[in-house]
Amino acid sequence: MESQTPAVELIDVSLIFGGDRPTDEPV
């Protein structure tokens, strides 16, 4: 597990789960 880019993983998980709004940029 690469703990270098957690934002990417969070966004990826968000997209997979909801895909409504990324965790990095809550727009």
Protein backbone atom coordinates (compact mmCIF):
# COMPACT_ATOMS: atom_id res chain seq x y z
CA MET A 1 0.00 0.00 0.00
CA GLU A 2 1.47 3.31 -1.08
CA SER A 3 0.79 5.95 1.56
CA GLN A 4 2.27 8.64 -0.65
CA THR A 5 -0.90 9.81 -2.39
CA PRO A 6 -3.81 9.27 0.00
CA ALA A 7 -5.86 11.95 -1.77
CA VAL A 8 -5.93 9.88 -4.95
CA GLU A 9 -7.11 6.83 -3.03
CA LEU A 10 -9.78 8.86 -1.25
CA ILE A 11 -11.01 10.28 -4.55
CA ASP A 12 -10.95 6.83 -6.14
CA VAL A 13 -12.92 5.34 -3.27
CA SER A 14 -15.36 8.24 -3.37
CA LEU A 15 -15.88 7.75 -7.10
CA ILE A 16 -16.38 4.02 -6.63
CA PHE A 17 -18.76 4.43 -3.69
CA GLY A 18 -20.70 7.56 -4.60
CA GLY A 19 -18.98 9.43 -7.42
CA ASP A 20 -20.92 12.57 -6.63
CA ARG A 21 -18.13 14.70 -5.18
CA PRO A 22 -14.42 13.90 -4.71
CA THR A 23 -12.99 13.97 -1.18
CA ASP A 24 -10.11 16.19 -2.29
CA GLU A 25 -12.25 18.86 -3.93
CA PRO A 26 -15.71 19.13 -2.34
CA VAL A 27 -17.16 21.37 -5.03
